[in-house]
Amino acid sequence: MSEQEAFGWAVRVVRLGDWSPSITQLPKLEVADRLLTIQDICEREQSRDVPLPQGVADDLFALFDRASDADLRVDLKSSETYSTGAKCLLEFLGRREAEYRDNEERTRSTFI
């Protein structure tokens, strides 16, 4: 599949809950005979200043539904491109990873 198609699939995978901040290296999608993580795909799309298909943009807006992600919605609304979508999705994933680490640390500290 193309990198643009892979980005659309990556967004759907995250939206459907098939990505976990506890195992960020999975899932991997095949792009041009290479297996790439969602983060890898996003990094490749950050320089693609091409409009997103409406379905992919809609999926991203649906992902950014928390009040704490309002800035991502604003950024994406200002430029509904692969570049902005990829940057916003990377930020979203980074936030979820940080939340996961914080929760893990709190959980560990309560048992010590």
N, C-alpha and C. Protein backbone atom coordinates (compact mmCIF):
# COMPACT_ATOMS: atom_id res chain seq x y z
N MET A 1 0.84 -1.18 0.00
CA MET A 1 0.00 0.00 0.00
C MET A 1 0.88 1.24 0.00
N SER A 2 0.33 2.35 -0.44
CA SER A 2 1.07 3.60 -0.48
C SER A 2 1.20 4.18 0.94
N GLU A 3 2.09 5.14 1.09
CA GLU A 3 2.25 5.78 2.40
C GLU A 3 0.99 6.53 2.81
N GLN A 4 0.31 7.15 1.84
CA GLN A 4 -0.93 7.86 2.16
C GLN A 4 -2.01 6.89 2.62
N GLU A 5 -2.14 5.75 1.94
CA GLU A 5 -3.10 4.73 2.38
C GLU A 5 -2.74 4.21 3.76
N ALA A 6 -1.45 4.01 3.99
CA ALA A 6 -0.99 3.52 5.29
C ALA A 6 -1.33 4.51 6.39
N PHE A 7 -1.22 5.81 6.10
CA PHE A 7 -1.57 6.80 7.11
C PHE A 7 -3.06 6.70 7.46
N GLY A 8 -3.89 6.56 6.45
CA GLY A 8 -5.32 6.39 6.70
C GLY A 8 -5.60 5.17 7.55
N TRP A 9 -4.92 4.06 7.25
CA TRP A 9 -5.09 2.84 8.07
C TRP A 9 -4.57 3.05 9.48
N ALA A 10 -3.45 3.76 9.61
CA ALA A 10 -2.88 4.01 10.93
C ALA A 10 -3.87 4.79 11.80
N VAL A 11 -4.50 5.79 11.21
CA VAL A 11 -5.50 6.58 11.95
C VAL A 11 -6.64 5.67 12.39
N ARG A 12 -7.11 4.82 11.50
CA ARG A 12 -8.23 3.91 11.84
C ARG A 12 -7.82 2.93 12.94
N VAL A 13 -6.60 2.42 12.86
CA VAL A 13 -6.12 1.48 13.88
C VAL A 13 -6.15 2.14 15.26
N VAL A 14 -5.67 3.37 15.33
CA VAL A 14 -5.66 4.07 16.62
C VAL A 14 -7.10 4.35 17.06
N ARG A 15 -7.92 4.82 16.15
CA ARG A 15 -9.30 5.15 16.50
C ARG A 15 -10.08 3.94 16.99
N LEU A 16 -9.81 2.78 16.40
CA LEU A 16 -10.53 1.56 16.80
C LEU A 16 -9.95 0.91 18.05
N GLY A 17 -8.87 1.48 18.59
CA GLY A 17 -8.30 0.95 19.82
C GLY A 17 -7.34 -0.21 19.63
N ASP A 18 -6.85 -0.39 18.40
CA ASP A 18 -5.91 -1.48 18.14
C ASP A 18 -4.46 -1.07 18.31
N TRP A 19 -4.23 0.11 18.84
CA TRP A 19 -2.90 0.59 19.21
C TRP A 19 -2.89 0.78 20.71
N SER A 20 -1.79 0.40 21.35
CA SER A 20 -1.69 0.54 22.80
C SER A 20 -0.43 1.30 23.17
N PRO A 21 -0.53 2.25 24.09
CA PRO A 21 0.66 2.97 24.53
C PRO A 21 1.63 2.08 25.30
N SER A 22 1.19 0.89 25.67
CA SER A 22 2.10 -0.03 26.37
C SER A 22 2.99 -0.79 25.39
N ILE A 23 2.58 -0.87 24.14
CA ILE A 23 3.36 -1.59 23.11
C ILE A 23 3.37 -0.72 21.86
N THR A 24 4.17 0.32 21.86
CA THR A 24 4.12 1.31 20.79
C THR A 24 4.70 0.81 19.47
N GLN A 25 5.44 -0.28 19.50
CA GLN A 25 6.03 -0.81 18.27
C GLN A 25 5.07 -1.70 17.49
N LEU A 26 3.86 -1.86 18.01
CA LEU A 26 2.84 -2.65 17.31
C LEU A 26 1.57 -1.84 17.23
N PRO A 27 0.76 -2.04 16.26
CA PRO A 27 0.95 -2.93 15.13
C PRO A 27 1.87 -2.29 14.09
N LYS A 28 2.27 -3.11 13.15
CA LYS A 28 3.07 -2.64 12.02
C LYS A 28 2.26 -2.86 10.75
N LEU A 29 2.38 -1.90 9.85
CA LEU A 29 1.68 -1.97 8.57
C LEU A 29 2.70 -2.10 7.45
N GLU A 30 2.36 -2.86 6.44
CA GLU A 30 3.27 -3.06 5.32
C GLU A 30 3.12 -1.93 4.31
N VAL A 31 4.23 -1.25 4.07
CA VAL A 31 4.27 -0.15 3.11
C VAL A 31 5.47 -0.39 2.20
N ALA A 32 5.21 -0.62 0.93
CA ALA A 32 6.28 -0.85 -0.05
C ALA A 32 7.26 -1.91 0.45
N ASP A 33 6.71 -3.04 0.84
CA ASP A 33 7.51 -4.20 1.30
C ASP A 33 8.30 -3.95 2.58
N ARG A 34 7.93 -2.94 3.34
CA ARG A 34 8.56 -2.68 4.64
C ARG A 34 7.48 -2.64 5.70
N LEU A 35 7.79 -3.15 6.89
CA LEU A 35 6.86 -3.08 8.02
C LEU A 35 7.18 -1.83 8.83
N LEU A 36 6.17 -0.96 8.95
CA LEU A 36 6.36 0.32 9.64
C LEU A 36 5.39 0.45 10.79
N THR A 37 5.87 1.05 11.88
CA THR A 37 4.98 1.36 13.00
C THR A 37 4.14 2.58 12.64
N ILE A 38 3.14 2.83 13.44
CA ILE A 38 2.30 4.01 13.23
C ILE A 38 3.16 5.28 13.33
N GLN A 39 4.08 5.31 14.28
CA GLN A 39 4.95 6.47 14.42
C GLN A 39 5.83 6.64 13.18
N ASP A 40 6.35 5.53 12.63
CA ASP A 40 7.17 5.61 11.41
C ASP A 40 6.37 6.21 10.26
N ILE A 41 5.14 5.76 10.12
CA ILE A 41 4.27 6.26 9.04
C ILE A 41 4.03 7.75 9.23
N CYS A 42 3.74 8.17 10.45
CA CYS A 42 3.51 9.59 10.71
C CYS A 42 4.75 10.42 10.38
N GLU A 43 5.91 9.93 10.78
CA GLU A 43 7.14 10.67 10.50
C GLU A 43 7.35 10.85 9.00
N ARG A 44 7.01 9.83 8.22
CA ARG A 44 7.15 9.93 6.76
C ARG A 44 6.16 10.92 6.16
N GLU A 45 5.00 11.06 6.77
CA GLU A 45 3.94 11.92 6.21
C GLU A 45 4.05 13.39 6.64
N GLN A 46 4.93 13.68 7.56
CA GLN A 46 5.03 15.05 8.08
C GLN A 46 5.42 16.08 7.02
N SER A 47 6.02 15.64 5.95
CA SER A 47 6.43 16.60 4.91
C SER A 47 5.48 16.61 3.71
N ARG A 48 4.40 15.84 3.77
CA ARG A 48 3.47 15.75 2.64
C ARG A 48 2.36 16.79 2.81
N ASP A 49 2.51 17.90 2.09
CA ASP A 49 1.56 19.00 2.20
C ASP A 49 0.44 18.83 1.16
N VAL A 50 -0.30 17.74 1.33
CA VAL A 50 -1.39 17.37 0.43
C VAL A 50 -2.64 17.21 1.28
N PRO A 51 -3.79 17.66 0.79
CA PRO A 51 -5.02 17.53 1.59
C PRO A 51 -5.34 16.08 1.96
N LEU A 52 -5.82 15.89 3.17
CA LEU A 52 -6.28 14.58 3.63
C LEU A 52 -7.62 14.24 2.99
N PRO A 53 -7.87 12.96 2.72
CA PRO A 53 -9.23 12.56 2.36
C PRO A 53 -10.16 12.91 3.53
N GLN A 54 -11.38 13.29 3.22
CA GLN A 54 -12.31 13.73 4.27
C GLN A 54 -12.53 12.65 5.33
N GLY A 55 -12.58 11.39 4.94
CA GLY A 55 -12.77 10.31 5.91
C GLY A 55 -11.64 10.22 6.91
N VAL A 56 -10.40 10.43 6.46
CA VAL A 56 -9.25 10.38 7.37
C VAL A 56 -9.29 11.59 8.31
N ALA A 57 -9.60 12.76 7.76
CA ALA A 57 -9.72 13.96 8.61
C ALA A 57 -10.81 13.75 9.65
N ASP A 58 -11.94 13.20 9.24
CA ASP A 58 -13.04 12.95 10.19
C ASP A 58 -12.61 11.99 11.29
N ASP A 59 -11.87 10.95 10.93
CA ASP A 59 -11.37 10.00 11.95
C ASP A 59 -10.43 10.70 12.92
N LEU A 60 -9.57 11.58 12.43
CA LEU A 60 -8.66 12.31 13.32
C LEU A 60 -9.45 13.22 14.26
N PHE A 61 -10.42 13.95 13.73
CA PHE A 61 -11.23 14.82 14.59
C PHE A 61 -11.93 13.99 15.67
N ALA A 62 -12.39 12.81 15.31
CA ALA A 62 -13.06 11.94 16.29
C ALA A 62 -12.08 11.48 17.37
N LEU A 63 -10.82 11.25 16.99
CA LEU A 63 -9.81 10.84 17.97
C LEU A 63 -9.54 11.95 18.98
N PHE A 64 -9.52 13.17 18.50
CA PHE A 64 -9.14 14.31 19.35
C PHE A 64 -10.35 14.86 20.09
N ASP A 65 -11.09 13.98 20.78
CA ASP A 65 -12.34 14.39 21.41
C ASP A 65 -12.20 14.87 22.85
N ARG A 66 -11.05 14.66 23.47
CA ARG A 66 -10.86 15.14 24.84
C ARG A 66 -10.61 16.64 24.85
N ALA A 67 -11.02 17.27 25.92
CA ALA A 67 -10.75 18.71 26.07
C ALA A 67 -9.25 18.99 26.00
N SER A 68 -8.46 18.07 26.54
CA SER A 68 -7.00 18.26 26.53
C SER A 68 -6.40 18.16 25.14
N ASP A 69 -7.18 17.69 24.18
CA ASP A 69 -6.70 17.58 22.79
C ASP A 69 -7.32 18.65 21.89
N ALA A 70 -7.95 19.65 22.49
CA ALA A 70 -8.60 20.71 21.70
C ALA A 70 -7.59 21.42 20.80
N ASP A 71 -6.35 21.57 21.26
CA ASP A 71 -5.34 22.22 20.43
C ASP A 71 -5.07 21.43 19.16
N LEU A 72 -5.15 20.11 19.23
CA LEU A 72 -4.94 19.28 18.05
C LEU A 72 -6.06 19.48 17.04
N ARG A 73 -7.27 19.60 17.55
CA ARG A 73 -8.42 19.86 16.66
C ARG A 73 -8.25 21.21 15.95
N VAL A 74 -7.80 22.22 16.70
CA VAL A 74 -7.59 23.55 16.12
C VAL A 74 -6.50 23.49 15.05
N ASP A 75 -5.39 22.82 15.37
CA ASP A 75 -4.30 22.71 14.40
C ASP A 75 -4.75 22.00 13.13
N LEU A 76 -5.46 20.89 13.30
CA LEU A 76 -5.91 20.13 12.14
C LEU A 76 -6.93 20.93 11.33
N LYS A 77 -7.81 21.65 12.01
CA LYS A 77 -8.82 22.45 11.30
C LYS A 77 -8.16 23.53 10.46
N SER A 78 -7.03 24.06 10.93
CA SER A 78 -6.34 25.13 10.20
C SER A 78 -5.67 24.62 8.94
N SER A 79 -5.36 23.33 8.90
CA SER A 79 -4.69 22.76 7.72
C SER A 79 -4.94 21.25 7.70
N GLU A 80 -5.95 20.84 6.99
CA GLU A 80 -6.31 19.42 6.92
C GLU A 80 -5.45 18.70 5.88
N THR A 81 -4.14 18.64 6.17
CA THR A 81 -3.18 18.00 5.27
C THR A 81 -2.56 16.78 5.95
N TYR A 82 -1.90 15.95 5.15
CA TYR A 82 -1.17 14.82 5.72
C TYR A 82 -0.13 15.32 6.71
N SER A 83 0.55 16.39 6.37
CA SER A 83 1.59 16.94 7.24
C SER A 83 1.04 17.28 8.61
N THR A 84 -0.02 18.08 8.64
CA THR A 84 -0.60 18.47 9.93
C THR A 84 -1.23 17.28 10.63
N GLY A 85 -1.92 16.43 9.88
CA GLY A 85 -2.53 15.25 10.48
C GLY A 85 -1.49 14.35 11.13
N ALA A 86 -0.36 14.16 10.45
CA ALA A 86 0.70 13.32 11.00
C ALA A 86 1.31 13.93 12.25
N LYS A 87 1.55 15.23 12.22
CA LYS A 87 2.11 15.90 13.41
C LYS A 87 1.14 15.81 14.59
N CYS A 88 -0.14 16.03 14.31
CA CYS A 88 -1.14 15.95 15.38
C CYS A 88 -1.26 14.53 15.92
N LEU A 89 -1.25 13.54 15.03
CA LEU A 89 -1.35 12.16 15.50
C LEU A 89 -0.13 11.78 16.33
N LEU A 90 1.06 12.20 15.92
CA LEU A 90 2.25 11.93 16.73
C LEU A 90 2.14 12.55 18.11
N GLU A 91 1.65 13.77 18.17
CA GLU A 91 1.47 14.44 19.47
C GLU A 91 0.45 13.69 20.31
N PHE A 92 -0.65 13.28 19.69
CA PHE A 92 -1.69 12.52 20.38
C PHE A 92 -1.11 11.23 20.96
N LEU A 93 -0.35 10.49 20.15
CA LEU A 93 0.25 9.24 20.62
C LEU A 93 1.23 9.50 21.75
N GLY A 94 2.02 10.56 21.63
CA GLY A 94 2.97 10.91 22.68
C GLY A 94 2.26 11.22 24.00
N ARG A 95 1.13 11.90 23.92
CA ARG A 95 0.36 12.20 25.12
C ARG A 95 -0.17 10.93 25.77
N ARG A 96 -0.67 10.02 24.96
CA ARG A 96 -1.21 8.77 25.51
C ARG A 96 -0.09 7.92 26.12
N GLU A 97 1.08 7.93 25.50
CA GLU A 97 2.22 7.20 26.07
C GLU A 97 2.62 7.81 27.41
N ALA A 98 2.65 9.13 27.50
CA ALA A 98 3.01 9.80 28.75
C ALA A 98 1.98 9.49 29.84
N GLU A 99 0.70 9.51 29.49
CA GLU A 99 -0.35 9.15 30.46
C GLU A 99 -0.15 7.72 30.96
N TYR A 100 0.15 6.82 30.04
CA TYR A 100 0.36 5.42 30.40
C TYR A 100 1.53 5.29 31.36
N ARG A 101 2.66 5.94 31.05
CA ARG A 101 3.84 5.88 31.93
C ARG A 101 3.53 6.46 33.30
N ASP A 102 2.81 7.59 33.33
CA ASP A 102 2.45 8.20 34.61
C ASP A 102 1.58 7.26 35.44
N ASN A 103 0.61 6.63 34.80
CA ASN A 103 -0.26 5.68 35.50
C ASN A 103 0.53 4.48 36.01
N GLU A 104 1.45 4.00 35.20
CA GLU A 104 2.28 2.86 35.62
C GLU A 104 3.14 3.24 36.82
N GLU A 105 3.71 4.42 36.81
CA GLU A 105 4.54 4.87 37.93
C GLU A 105 3.71 5.02 39.20
N ARG A 106 2.51 5.58 39.07
CA ARG A 106 1.62 5.72 40.23
C ARG A 106 1.25 4.36 40.78
N THR A 107 0.95 3.43 39.89
CA THR A 107 0.57 2.09 40.30
C THR A 107 1.72 1.41 41.04
N ARG A 108 2.92 1.52 40.50
CA ARG A 108 4.10 0.93 41.14
C ARG A 108 4.37 1.56 42.50
N SER A 109 4.21 2.87 42.59
CA SER A 109 4.53 3.55 43.85
C SER A 109 3.52 3.21 44.95
N THR A 110 2.30 2.82 44.58
CA THR A 110 1.33 2.45 45.60
C THR A 110 1.61 1.08 46.18
N PHE A 111 2.38 0.26 45.44
CA PHE A 111 2.70 -1.09 45.91
C PHE A 111 4.05 -1.15 46.59
N ILE A 112 4.76 -0.06 46.65
CA ILE A 112 6.11 -0.07 47.27
C ILE A 112 6.01 0.34 48.71
